[in-house]
C-alpha atoms as a PDB file:
ATOM      1  CA  MET A   1      -0.166  -0.144   0.002  1.00  0.00           C
ATOM      2  CA  ASN A   2       1.039   3.481  -0.931  1.00  0.00           C
ATOM      3  CA  HIS A   3       0.439   5.762   2.121  1.00  0.00           C
ATOM      4  CA  ASP A   4       1.477   8.840   0.612  1.00  0.00           C
ATOM      5  CA  GLU A   5      -1.302   8.471  -2.401  1.00  0.00           C
ATOM      6  CA  LYS A   6      -4.436  10.374  -2.444  1.00  0.00           C
ATOM      7  CA  THR A   7      -8.001   8.887  -0.868  1.00  0.00           C
ATOM      8  CA  TRP A   8     -11.165   9.658   0.285  1.00  0.00           C
ATOM      9  CA  ILE A   9     -12.335  10.419   3.881  1.00  0.00           C
ATOM     10  CA  PHE A  10     -16.019  11.055   4.909  1.00  0.00           C
ATOM     11  CA  GLY A  11     -18.477  11.846   7.454  1.00  0.00           C
ATOM     12  CA  PHE A  12     -18.154  14.515  10.230  1.00  0.00           C
ATOM     13  CA  HIS A  13     -15.840  12.811  12.984  1.00  0.00           C
ATOM     14  CA  ALA A  14     -13.314  11.383  10.195  1.00  0.00           C
ATOM     15  CA  VAL A  15     -13.420  15.105   7.953  1.00  0.00           C
ATOM     16  CA  ILE A  16     -13.082  16.880  11.936  1.00  0.00           C
ATOM     17  CA  ALA A  17     -10.296  14.607  13.130  1.00  0.00           C
ATOM     18  CA  ARG A  18      -7.908  14.675  10.452  1.00  0.00           C
ATOM     19  CA  LEU A  19      -8.682  18.750  10.109  1.00  0.00           C
ATOM     20  CA  ARG A  20      -7.812  18.906  13.810  1.00  0.00           C
ATOM     21  CA  GLN A  21      -4.742  16.412  13.405  1.00  0.00           C
ATOM     22  CA  ARG A  22      -3.192  16.878   9.874  1.00  0.00           C
ATOM     23  CA  PRO A  23      -4.765  19.956   8.363  1.00  0.00           C
ATOM     24  CA  GLU A  24      -1.957  19.813   5.996  1.00  0.00           C
ATOM     25  CA  SER A  25      -2.872  16.540   4.452  1.00  0.00           C
ATOM     26  CA  VAL A  26      -6.214  17.428   3.662  1.00  0.00           C
ATOM     27  CA  THR A  27      -6.155  18.648  -0.112  1.00  0.00           C
ATOM     28  CA  HIS A  28      -9.939  19.887  -0.951  1.00  0.00           C
ATOM     29  CA  ILE A  29     -13.285  19.421   0.803  1.00  0.00           C
ATOM     30  CA  TYR A  30     -16.470  18.620  -0.834  1.00  0.00           C
ATOM     31  CA  PHE A  31     -19.504  19.503   1.038  1.00  0.00           C
ATOM     32  CA  ASP A  32     -23.262  19.335   0.571  1.00  0.00           C
ATOM     33  CA  GLU A  33     -24.788  22.959  -0.480  1.00  0.00           C
ATOM     34  CA  SER A  34     -28.041  22.016   1.240  1.00  0.00           C
ATOM     35  CA  ARG A  35     -26.808  21.851   4.596  1.00  0.00           C
ATOM     36  CA  LYS A  36     -26.672  24.874   6.378  1.00  0.00           C
ATOM     37  CA  ASP A  37     -26.430  23.409  10.254  1.00  0.00           C
ATOM     38  CA  PRO A  38     -23.949  23.985  12.641  1.00  0.00           C
ATOM     39  CA  ARG A  39     -21.835  21.059  11.886  1.00  0.00           C
ATOM     40  CA  ALA A  40     -21.672  21.891   8.861  1.00  0.00           C
ATOM     41  CA  LYS A  41     -20.741  25.109   9.314  1.00  0.00           C
ATOM     42  CA  ASP A  42     -17.878  23.971  11.772  1.00  0.00           C
ATOM     43  CA  VAL A  43     -16.081  21.879   9.359  1.00  0.00           C
ATOM     44  CA  LEU A  44     -16.257  24.791   6.864  1.00  0.00           C
ATOM     45  CA  SER A  45     -14.922  27.256   9.410  1.00  0.00           C
ATOM     46  CA  ARG A  46     -11.819  24.905  10.283  1.00  0.00           C
ATOM     47  CA  ALA A  47     -11.337  24.144   6.658  1.00  0.00           C
ATOM     48  CA  LYS A  48     -10.756  27.931   6.146  1.00  0.00           C
ATOM     49  CA  LEU A  49      -8.479  28.168   8.990  1.00  0.00           C
ATOM     50  CA  ALA A  50      -6.659  25.103   7.317  1.00  0.00           C
ATOM     51  CA  GLY A  51      -6.273  27.265   3.444  1.00  0.00           C
ATOM     52  CA  CYS A  52      -8.114  24.196   2.302  1.00  0.00           C
ATOM     53  CA  PRO A  53     -10.377  24.625  -0.837  1.00  0.00           C
ATOM     54  CA  VAL A  54     -13.887  23.591  -0.335  1.00  0.00           C
ATOM     55  CA  GLU A  55     -16.493  23.188  -2.998  1.00  0.00           C
ATOM     56  CA  ALA A  56     -20.525  22.975  -2.795  1.00  0.00           C
ATOM     57  CA  THR A  57     -21.849  20.469  -4.546  1.00  0.00           C
ATOM     58  CA  ASP A  58     -25.026  17.815  -4.325  1.00  0.00           C
ATOM     59  CA  LYS A  59     -25.780  14.471  -2.969  1.00  0.00           C
ATOM     60  CA  ALA A  60     -25.650  12.659  -5.657  1.00  0.00           C
ATOM     61  CA  THR A  61     -21.662  14.151  -6.365  1.00  0.00           C
ATOM     62  CA  LEU A  62     -20.693  13.235  -3.133  1.00  0.00           C
ATOM     63  CA  ASP A  63     -22.542   9.753  -3.363  1.00  0.00           C
ATOM     64  CA  GLN A  64     -20.296   9.021  -6.441  1.00  0.00           C
ATOM     65  CA  LYS A  65     -17.421   9.960  -4.772  1.00  0.00           C
ATOM     66  CA  THR A  66     -17.451   7.508  -1.855  1.00  0.00           C
ATOM     67  CA  LEU A  67     -19.463   4.673  -3.530  1.00  0.00           C
ATOM     68  CA  SER A  68     -21.805   4.973  -0.666  1.00  0.00           C
ATOM     69  CA  GLY A  69     -24.943   7.673   0.766  1.00  0.00           C
ATOM     70  CA  ARG A  70     -23.154   7.282   4.318  1.00  0.00           C
ATOM     71  CA  HIS A  71     -21.155  10.367   4.221  1.00  0.00           C
ATOM     72  CA  GLN A  72     -23.339  12.684   6.371  1.00  0.00           C
ATOM     73  CA  GLY A  73     -22.794  15.512   3.715  1.00  0.00           C
ATOM     74  CA  ILE A  74     -19.131  15.945   3.875  1.00  0.00           C
ATOM     75  CA  VAL A  75     -16.293  14.359   2.037  1.00  0.00           C
ATOM     76  CA  ALA A  76     -12.632  15.174   2.201  1.00  0.00           C
ATOM     77  CA  GLN A  77      -9.695  14.097  -0.479  1.00  0.00           C
ATOM     78  CA  VAL A  78      -6.694  13.676   1.532  1.00  0.00           C
ATOM     79  CA  LYS A  79      -3.112  12.716   1.285  1.00  0.00           C
ATOM     80  CA  ASN A  80      -3.174   9.113   2.970  1.00  0.00           C
ATOM     81  CA  ILE A  81      -0.257   9.794   5.125  1.00  0.00           C
ATOM     82  CA  ALA A  82       1.335   6.999   7.300  1.00  0.00           C
ATOM     83  CA  SER A  83       2.000   7.693  11.046  1.00  0.00           C
ATOM     84  CA  ALA A  84       5.016  10.154  11.667  1.00  0.00           C
ATOM     85  CA  LEU A  85       5.862   7.764  14.506  1.00  0.00           C
ATOM     86  CA  THR A  86       8.199   4.614  14.421  1.00  0.00           C
ATOM     87  CA  LEU A  87       7.650   1.219  16.548  1.00  0.00           C
ATOM     88  CA  ASP A  88      11.451   2.347  17.993  1.00  0.00           C
ATOM     89  CA  GLU A  89      10.240   5.850  19.019  1.00  0.00           C
ATOM     90  CA  ILE A  90       6.700   4.006  20.670  1.00  0.00           C
ATOM     91  CA  LEU A  91       9.154   1.363  22.373  1.00  0.00           C
ATOM     92  CA  SER A  92      11.576   3.954  23.584  1.00  0.00           C
ATOM     93  CA  GLY A  93       9.065   6.753  24.629  1.00  0.00           C
ATOM     94  CA  THR A  94       7.846   4.969  28.155  1.00  0.00           C
ATOM     95  CA  THR A  95       8.473   1.733  30.269  1.00  0.00           C
ATOM     96  CA  THR A  96       4.723   0.569  29.788  1.00  0.00           C
ATOM     97  CA  PRO A  97       3.987   0.623  26.687  1.00  0.00           C
ATOM     98  CA  PHE A  98       0.561  -0.773  26.028  1.00  0.00           C
ATOM     99  CA  LEU A  99       0.186  -1.806  21.795  1.00  0.00           C
ATOM    100  CA  LEU A 100      -2.336  -3.374  20.054  1.00  0.00           C
ATOM    101  CA  VAL A 101      -0.981  -6.078  17.126  1.00  0.00           C
ATOM    102  CA  LEU A 102      -3.599  -7.426  14.420  1.00  0.00           C
ATOM    103  CA  ASP A 103      -2.812 -10.046  12.621  1.00  0.00           C
ATOM    104  CA  GLU A 104      -4.724 -10.022   9.063  1.00  0.00           C
ATOM    105  CA  VAL A 105      -7.442  -8.031   9.550  1.00  0.00           C
ATOM    106  CA  THR A 106      -9.080  -7.310   6.641  1.00  0.00           C
ATOM    107  CA  ASP A 107     -12.518  -6.212   7.507  1.00  0.00           C
ATOM    108  CA  PRO A 108     -12.712  -2.533   7.329  1.00  0.00           C
ATOM    109  CA  HIS A 109     -15.484  -2.326   9.827  1.00  0.00           C
ATOM    110  CA  ASN A 110     -13.733  -4.376  12.335  1.00  0.00           C
ATOM    111  CA  LEU A 111     -10.124  -2.432  12.044  1.00  0.00           C
ATOM    112  CA  GLY A 112     -12.215   0.745  12.348  1.00  0.00           C
ATOM    113  CA  ALA A 113     -14.191  -0.412  15.431  1.00  0.00           C
ATOM    114  CA  CYS A 114     -10.316  -1.660  17.049  1.00  0.00           C
ATOM    115  CA  LEU A 115      -9.129   1.859  15.998  1.00  0.00           C
ATOM    116  CA  ARG A 116     -12.125   3.397  17.789  1.00  0.00           C
ATOM    117  CA  SER A 117     -11.359   1.085  20.917  1.00  0.00           C
ATOM    118  CA  ALA A 118      -7.859   1.728  21.015  1.00  0.00           C
ATOM    119  CA  ASP A 119      -8.371   5.479  21.287  1.00  0.00           C
ATOM    120  CA  VAL A 120     -10.878   5.352  23.909  1.00  0.00           C
ATOM    121  CA  PHE A 121      -8.823   2.761  26.530  1.00  0.00           C
ATOM    122  CA  GLY A 122      -5.227   4.553  25.539  1.00  0.00           C
ATOM    123  CA  VAL A 123      -3.281   2.561  23.373  1.00  0.00           C
ATOM    124  CA  ASP A 124       0.020   4.072  22.364  1.00  0.00           C
ATOM    125  CA  ALA A 125       0.014   2.556  18.996  1.00  0.00           C
ATOM    126  CA  VAL A 126      -1.612   0.086  16.733  1.00  0.00           C
ATOM    127  CA  ILE A 127       0.693  -2.262  14.889  1.00  0.00           C
ATOM    128  CA  LEU A 128       0.016  -3.927  11.224  1.00  0.00           C
ATOM    129  CA  PRO A 129       1.377  -6.067   8.944  1.00  0.00           C
ATOM    130  CA  LYS A 130       1.842  -4.226   5.690  1.00  0.00           C
ATOM    131  CA  ASP A 131       0.765  -6.616   3.400  1.00  0.00           C
ATOM    132  CA  ARG A 132      -1.509  -8.336   5.807  1.00  0.00           C
ATOM    133  CA  SER A 133      -4.361  -5.775   6.560  1.00  0.00           C
ATOM    134  CA  VAL A 134      -6.923  -3.742   5.112  1.00  0.00           C
ATOM    135  CA  GLY A 135      -4.932  -0.609   5.805  1.00  0.00           C
ATOM    136  CA  ILE A 136      -6.748   2.654   6.321  1.00  0.00           C
ATOM    137  CA  THR A 137      -9.496   2.950   3.395  1.00  0.00           C
ATOM    138  CA  PRO A 138     -12.122   5.639   3.761  1.00  0.00           C
ATOM    139  CA  VAL A 139     -14.312   3.089   5.314  1.00  0.00           C
ATOM    140  CA  VAL A 140     -12.343   2.559   8.205  1.00  0.00           C
ATOM    141  CA  SER A 141     -11.649   6.301   8.652  1.00  0.00           C
ATOM    142  CA  LYS A 142     -15.402   6.388   9.056  1.00  0.00           C
ATOM    143  CA  VAL A 143     -16.040   3.523  11.582  1.00  0.00           C
ATOM    144  CA  SER A 144     -13.225   4.617  13.354  1.00  0.00           C
ATOM    145  CA  CYS A 145     -14.770   8.268  14.140  1.00  0.00           C
ATOM    146  CA  GLY A 146     -11.601   9.916  14.111  1.00  0.00           C
ATOM    147  CA  ALA A 147      -9.499   7.681  15.918  1.00  0.00           C
ATOM    148  CA  ALA A 148      -8.038   6.399  12.757  1.00  0.00           C
ATOM    149  CA  GLU A 149      -6.636  10.187  12.505  1.00  0.00           C
ATOM    150  CA  THR A 150      -5.431  10.072  16.253  1.00  0.00           C
ATOM    151  CA  VAL A 151      -4.131   6.989  17.212  1.00  0.00           C
ATOM    152  CA  PRO A 152      -0.726   5.904  15.554  1.00  0.00           C
ATOM    153  CA  VAL A 153      -0.942   2.981  13.095  1.00  0.00           C
ATOM    154  CA  ILE A 154       2.687   1.769  12.282  1.00  0.00           C
ATOM    155  CA  PHE A 155       2.818  -0.829   9.291  1.00  0.00           C
ATOM    156  CA  VAL A 156       5.725  -3.287   9.533  1.00  0.00           C
ATOM    157  CA  THR A 157       6.872  -5.142   6.872  1.00  0.00           C
ATOM    158  CA  ASN A 158       7.555  -8.594   9.161  1.00  0.00           C
ATOM    159  CA  LEU A 159       5.054  -9.077  11.674  1.00  0.00           C
ATOM    160  CA  SER A 160       7.460 -11.875  13.151  1.00  0.00           C
ATOM    161  CA  ARG A 161      10.462  -9.401  13.380  1.00  0.00           C
ATOM    162  CA  ALA A 162       8.094  -6.746  15.275  1.00  0.00           C
ATOM    163  CA  LEU A 163       7.351  -9.295  17.665  1.00  0.00           C
ATOM    164  CA  ASP A 164      10.698 -10.018  18.291  1.00  0.00           C
ATOM    165  CA  GLN A 165      11.629  -6.071  18.548  1.00  0.00           C
ATOM    166  CA  MET A 166       8.782  -5.536  21.215  1.00  0.00           C
ATOM    167  CA  LYS A 167       9.858  -8.537  23.109  1.00  0.00           C
ATOM    168  CA  ALA A 168      13.551  -7.420  23.158  1.00  0.00           C
ATOM    169  CA  SER A 169      12.201  -3.889  24.749  1.00  0.00           C
ATOM    170  CA  GLY A 170      10.867  -5.583  27.445  1.00  0.00           C
ATOM    171  CA  VAL A 171       7.208  -5.820  26.081  1.00  0.00           C
ATOM    172  CA  TRP A 172       5.252  -8.745  26.769  1.00  0.00           C
ATOM    173  CA  CYS A 173       3.323 -10.143  23.744  1.00  0.00           C
ATOM    174  CA  VAL A 174       0.012 -11.616  24.736  1.00  0.00           C
ATOM    175  CA  ALA A 175      -2.045 -13.224  22.151  1.00  0.00           C
ATOM    176  CA  ALA A 176      -5.854 -13.704  22.589  1.00  0.00           C
ATOM    177  CA  ASP A 177      -6.895 -16.628  21.802  1.00  0.00           C
ATOM    178  CA  MET A 178      -8.668 -20.146  22.912  1.00  0.00           C
ATOM    179  CA  ASP A 179      -7.370 -22.364  25.974  1.00  0.00           C
ATOM    180  CA  GLY A 180      -5.547 -19.670  27.422  1.00  0.00           C
ATOM    181  CA  GLU A 181      -5.252 -18.460  31.165  1.00  0.00           C
ATOM    182  CA  ASN A 182      -8.428 -16.444  32.198  1.00  0.00           C
ATOM    183  CA  LEU A 183      -8.489 -12.781  31.201  1.00  0.00           C
ATOM    184  CA  TYR A 184      -9.749 -11.540  34.734  1.00  0.00           C
ATOM    185  CA  ASP A 185      -7.014 -13.687  36.479  1.00  0.00           C
ATOM    186  CA  ALA A 186      -3.916 -12.350  34.102  1.00  0.00           C
ATOM    187  CA  ASP A 187      -1.576 -10.032  35.323  1.00  0.00           C
ATOM    188  CA  LEU A 188      -2.065  -6.795  32.765  1.00  0.00           C
ATOM    189  CA  THR A 189      -0.176  -4.038  34.052  1.00  0.00           C
ATOM    190  CA  GLY A 190       3.376  -4.289  32.667  1.00  0.00           C
ATOM    191  CA  PRO A 191       4.211  -3.038  29.379  1.00  0.00           C
ATOM    192  CA  MET A 192       2.609  -5.532  27.007  1.00  0.00           C
ATOM    193  CA  ALA A 193       1.193  -5.859  23.377  1.00  0.00           C
ATOM    194  CA  TRP A 194      -2.394  -7.477  22.674  1.00  0.00           C
ATOM    195  CA  VAL A 195      -1.994  -9.598  19.649  1.00  0.00           C
ATOM    196  CA  LEU A 196      -5.482 -10.728  17.944  1.00  0.00           C
ATOM    197  CA  GLY A 197      -5.757 -12.480  14.823  1.00  0.00           C
ATOM    198  CA  ALA A 198      -8.310 -12.306  11.758  1.00  0.00           C
ATOM    199  CA  GLU A 199     -12.150 -12.847  11.108  1.00  0.00           C
ATOM    200  CA  GLY A 200     -13.071 -16.441  11.213  1.00  0.00           C
ATOM    201  CA  ARG A 201      -9.602 -17.631  11.286  1.00  0.00           C
ATOM    202  CA  GLY A 202      -7.574 -16.342  14.229  1.00  0.00           C
ATOM    203  CA  LEU A 203      -3.928 -16.005  15.122  1.00  0.00           C
ATOM    204  CA  ARG A 204      -1.602 -17.782  12.584  1.00  0.00           C
ATOM    205  CA  ARG A 205       0.532 -20.170  13.865  1.00  0.00           C
ATOM    206  CA  LEU A 206       3.666 -18.488  13.949  1.00  0.00           C
ATOM    207  CA  THR A 207       2.127 -15.310  15.150  1.00  0.00           C
ATOM    208  CA  ARG A 208       0.727 -17.218  18.212  1.00  0.00           C
ATOM    209  CA  GLU A 209       4.163 -19.293  18.723  1.00  0.00           C
ATOM    210  CA  LYS A 210       5.969 -15.761  18.965  1.00  0.00           C
ATOM    211  CA  CYS A 211       3.657 -14.528  21.901  1.00  0.00           C
ATOM    212  CA  ASP A 212       5.048 -14.860  25.401  1.00  0.00           C
ATOM    213  CA  ARG A 213       1.488 -15.872  26.601  1.00  0.00           C
ATOM    214  CA  VAL A 214      -2.116 -16.687  25.564  1.00  0.00           C
ATOM    215  CA  VAL A 215      -5.060 -15.603  27.371  1.00  0.00           C
ATOM    216  CA  SER A 216      -8.605 -15.926  26.506  1.00  0.00           C
ATOM    217  CA  ILE A 217     -11.905 -14.412  27.188  1.00  0.00           C
ATOM    218  CA  PRO A 218     -14.046 -16.175  29.474  1.00  0.00           C
ATOM    219  CA  MET A 219     -17.170 -17.638  27.673  1.00  0.00           C
ATOM    220  CA  LEU A 220     -20.268 -17.939  29.628  1.00  0.00           C
ATOM    221  CA  GLY A 221     -23.131 -18.644  27.012  1.00  0.00           C
ATOM    222  CA  SER A 222     -23.619 -20.490  24.175  1.00  0.00           C
ATOM    223  CA  VAL A 223     -21.768 -18.167  21.542  1.00  0.00           C
ATOM    224  CA  GLU A 224     -18.290 -19.853  21.091  1.00  0.00           C
ATOM    225  CA  SER A 225     -16.186 -17.046  19.844  1.00  0.00           C
ATOM    226  CA  LEU A 226     -16.583 -13.042  19.363  1.00  0.00           C
ATOM    227  CA  ASN A 227     -16.016 -10.871  16.514  1.00  0.00           C
ATOM    228  CA  VAL A 228     -12.234  -9.353  16.744  1.00  0.00           C
ATOM    229  CA  SER A 229     -12.991  -5.557  17.537  1.00  0.00           C
ATOM    230  CA  VAL A 230     -15.505  -6.958  20.153  1.00  0.00           C
ATOM    231  CA  ALA A 231     -12.589  -9.218  21.348  1.00  0.00           C
ATOM    232  CA  ALA A 232     -10.158  -6.016  21.547  1.00  0.00           C
ATOM    233  CA  GLY A 233     -12.590  -4.160  23.102  1.00  0.00           C
ATOM    234  CA  ILE A 234     -12.809  -6.415  25.938  1.00  0.00           C
ATOM    235  CA  CYS A 235      -9.015  -7.048  26.440  1.00  0.00           C
ATOM    236  CA  LEU A 236      -8.342  -3.462  26.129  1.00  0.00           C
ATOM    237  CA  SER A 237     -10.923  -2.043  28.992  1.00  0.00           C
ATOM    238  CA  ALA A 238      -9.475  -5.002  31.096  1.00  0.00           C
ATOM    239  CA  THR A 239      -5.734  -3.976  30.567  1.00  0.00           C
ATOM    240  CA  ARG A 240      -6.996  -0.392  31.374  1.00  0.00           C
ATOM    241  CA  MET A 241      -8.717  -1.643  34.214  1.00  0.00           C
ATOM    242  CA  SER A 242      -5.682  -3.126  35.563  1.00  0.00           C
ATOM    243  CA  ARG A 243      -3.287  -0.602  34.934  1.00  0.00           C
ATOM    244  CA  HIS A 244      -5.337   2.199  36.512  1.00  0.00           C
ATOM    245  CA  ARG A 245      -5.580   0.348  39.766  1.00  0.00           C
ATOM    246  CA  ALA A 246      -1.715  -0.080  39.983  1.00  0.00           C
ATOM    247  CA  GLY A 247      -0.948   3.173  38.930  1.00  0.00           C
ATOM    248  CA  THR A 248       0.728   2.262  35.459  1.00  0.00           C
ATOM    249  CA  PRO A 249       2.258   5.170  33.641  1.00  0.00           C
ATOM    250  CA  THR A 250       0.695   5.809  30.250  1.00  0.00           C
ATOM    251  CA  LEU A 251       2.275   7.288  27.210  1.00  0.00           C
ATOM    252  CA  THR A 252      -0.602   8.221  25.261  1.00  0.00           C
ATOM    253  CA  GLY A 253      -1.456  11.962  25.456  1.00  0.00           C
ATOM    254  CA  ASN A 254       2.424  12.950  25.057  1.00  0.00           C
ATOM    255  CA  LEU A 255       3.116  11.301  21.271  1.00  0.00           C
ATOM    256  CA  THR A 256       0.116  11.465  19.748  1.00  0.00           C
ATOM    257  CA  LYS A 257      -0.196  14.734  19.656  1.00  0.00           C
ATOM    258  CA  HIS A 258       2.892  14.795  16.884  1.00  0.00           C
ATOM    259  CA  VAL A 259       1.697  12.442  14.972  1.00  0.00           C
ATOM    260  CA  GLY A 260       1.424  13.761  10.859  1.00  0.00           C
END
């Protein structure tokens, strides 16, 4: 994936977040000329401050640009810039990094939801394989409600080597998978990276073998598995709760503002 090519993002959360975090990457904004409400005026005001060209058009044109009618009347053309942070910077920025690694997650709705949870629960960065991920698409940005613009997303060429790098830096790589220790009994307070697998298939064998521990979410009902984004939200929430109780320091808020 070429992270410097131009692409589309749409919806108020995604466009406002991009204007706030990376205004220089927004090259053009199109808006539904029938919208005169405060949200539309807010976006146009932010675009003006960023020096971004805006163009009034109709809903049909916006539907065509986004291949959907769920753009809320606002569409932006942006340079798809990758995170300015590297894995080295994240690992050296704190003694207790909190990371989310997603292996072969190819559904944009799942990735967007995972990014949203990562933002809510203070994840320092999300790690994705370059060739085994859906990437940051317009749908991912829309579903993430702006989190794709605020959470550092780091693409790595070789996920196995990236896990080795994390472990060498003292990060515990924890696989969320079946047949592991109970999530609610696990120590989640130290430097750690949650490693979750793709929809349906779960973690690849090599990825799981690279992890230090396997932790499972207790399943009390008749359902045998969880959507990866739901599982990620549960694991991240449990980790944040454990860290809060233990007084574990956090990195988020120090580096994320420098992204872009």
